[in-house]
Every structure is written in C-alpha cells, then in structure tokens.
C-alpha cells in the first residue's frame, strides 16, 4: 500500500464532482486534500492504474499527474494541521 499525490487540470468541461468521485474511489478510501487541486490517496494500485481509473472520470483533453509520496520526505506551508496529521498517520 502506498500514498500517491494526484493533481489534475480540467480543460474545457470543468466537472469537479466527477473527478472528485474518481479520486475518492481509486484507493482505500483514505485521502487528504492539502490544496485545491492536489489530493493524497492511499492505494494498492500503481500510479498507472490510478491514472487509468481516473480517465473514466475525465474528458480526453484533461490532464492527470500521479506520483508516489515518500511519507517522510515532504514539507508544507499554511497546510492545515489536520492534513499534516493525516500524512503523519499514513507515512
């Protein structure tokens, strides 16, 4: 099981509820949202499998970027304590 950072750009049609649904269902249900367009999810899937899953919730012109998060090698500024605690819990 790993943590992944997911970022996205919705280009023409901005169906945020749809991408949010995809992100929430691509892992174990454990996720955090440190910024407006970044999510951290806990998942058994690979980065490629997450991208393939999310393509079902986006349009062909949208952009998706998924990268593993090393639990101990991160820093933040003005990110809520709740998010930092979540990262500490799953790191």
Protein backbone atom coordinates (compact mmCIF):
# COMPACT_ATOMS: atom_id res chain seq x y z
CA UNK A 1 0.00 0.00 0.00
CA UNK A 2 1.35 3.42 -0.91
CA UNK A 3 0.48 7.11 -0.82
CA UNK A 4 0.10 8.92 -4.14
CA UNK A 5 -0.16 12.60 -4.97
CA UNK A 6 -2.79 13.31 -7.62
CA UNK A 7 -3.01 16.61 -9.46
CA UNK A 8 -5.20 17.47 -12.42
CA UNK A 9 -6.25 20.19 -14.83
CA UNK A 10 -9.79 20.10 -16.17
CA UNK A 11 -9.51 21.88 -19.51
CA UNK A 12 -12.87 22.62 -21.17
CA UNK A 13 -15.62 20.92 -19.21
CA UNK A 14 -14.97 21.52 -15.52
CA UNK A 15 -16.87 18.66 -13.87
CA UNK A 16 -15.15 18.73 -10.49
CA UNK A 17 -17.70 16.47 -8.78
CA UNK A 18 -16.91 13.77 -11.31
CA UNK A 19 -13.11 13.88 -10.81
CA UNK A 20 -13.61 14.04 -7.03
CA UNK A 21 -15.67 10.85 -7.22
CA UNK A 22 -12.90 9.17 -9.21
CA UNK A 23 -10.20 10.24 -6.78
CA UNK A 24 -12.19 9.12 -3.75
CA UNK A 25 -12.70 5.67 -5.31
CA UNK A 26 -9.19 4.98 -6.62
CA UNK A 27 -7.78 3.80 -3.31
CA UNK A 28 -8.73 2.54 0.10
CA UNK A 29 -10.99 5.50 0.87
CA UNK A 30 -8.24 7.22 2.87
CA UNK A 31 -7.41 10.56 1.27
CA UNK A 32 -6.46 14.14 2.06
CA UNK A 33 -6.68 17.35 0.06
CA UNK A 34 -3.77 19.65 1.00
CA UNK A 35 -4.57 22.21 -1.74
CA UNK A 36 -7.46 22.87 -4.13
CA UNK A 37 -6.02 20.77 -6.97
CA UNK A 38 -3.94 18.20 -5.11
CA UNK A 39 -5.10 15.08 -3.38
CA UNK A 40 -3.10 12.46 -1.49
CA UNK A 41 -4.62 8.98 -1.59
CA UNK A 42 -3.72 5.67 -0.03
CA UNK A 43 -3.99 2.91 -2.61
CA UNK A 44 -2.97 -0.62 -3.52
CA UNK A 45 -2.91 0.41 -7.18
CA UNK A 46 0.13 1.57 -9.12
CA UNK A 47 0.38 5.13 -10.42
CA UNK A 48 -0.52 3.86 -13.92
CA UNK A 49 -3.58 2.02 -12.58
CA UNK A 50 -4.73 5.17 -10.78
CA UNK A 51 -4.36 7.23 -13.97
CA UNK A 52 -6.29 4.59 -15.92
CA UNK A 53 -9.03 4.64 -13.26
CA UNK A 54 -9.26 8.44 -13.30
CA UNK A 55 -9.54 8.56 -17.10
CA UNK A 56 -13.05 7.16 -16.59
CA UNK A 57 -13.91 10.37 -14.71
CA UNK A 58 -12.32 12.94 -17.04
CA UNK A 59 -12.51 14.15 -20.63
CA UNK A 60 -9.89 13.43 -23.30
CA UNK A 61 -8.37 16.94 -23.03
CA UNK A 62 -7.94 16.88 -19.22
CA UNK A 63 -4.54 16.37 -17.58
CA UNK A 64 -3.74 13.97 -14.73
CA UNK A 65 -0.44 13.56 -12.87
CA UNK A 66 0.11 10.84 -10.26
CA UNK A 67 3.32 10.32 -8.30
CA UNK A 68 4.17 8.29 -5.19
CA UNK A 69 4.67 10.20 -1.96
CA UNK A 70 7.52 9.22 0.32
CA UNK A 71 5.88 9.53 3.69
CA UNK A 72 8.80 11.17 5.49
CA UNK A 73 10.16 13.44 2.75
CA UNK A 74 7.66 16.26 2.49
CA UNK A 75 7.21 19.81 3.74
CA UNK A 76 4.34 22.28 3.70
CA UNK A 77 3.37 25.88 4.38
CA UNK A 78 -0.08 27.01 5.50
CA UNK A 79 -1.47 23.49 5.16
CA UNK A 80 -3.88 22.58 7.94
CA UNK A 81 -2.76 20.59 10.96
CA UNK A 82 -5.45 18.04 10.13
CA UNK A 83 -3.80 17.32 6.75
CA UNK A 84 -0.32 17.17 8.29
CA UNK A 85 -1.61 14.77 10.96
CA UNK A 86 -3.20 12.62 8.25
CA UNK A 87 0.10 12.43 6.37
CA UNK A 88 1.88 11.55 9.60
CA UNK A 89 -0.63 8.78 10.28
CA UNK A 90 -0.17 7.13 6.89
CA UNK A 91 3.54 7.83 6.41
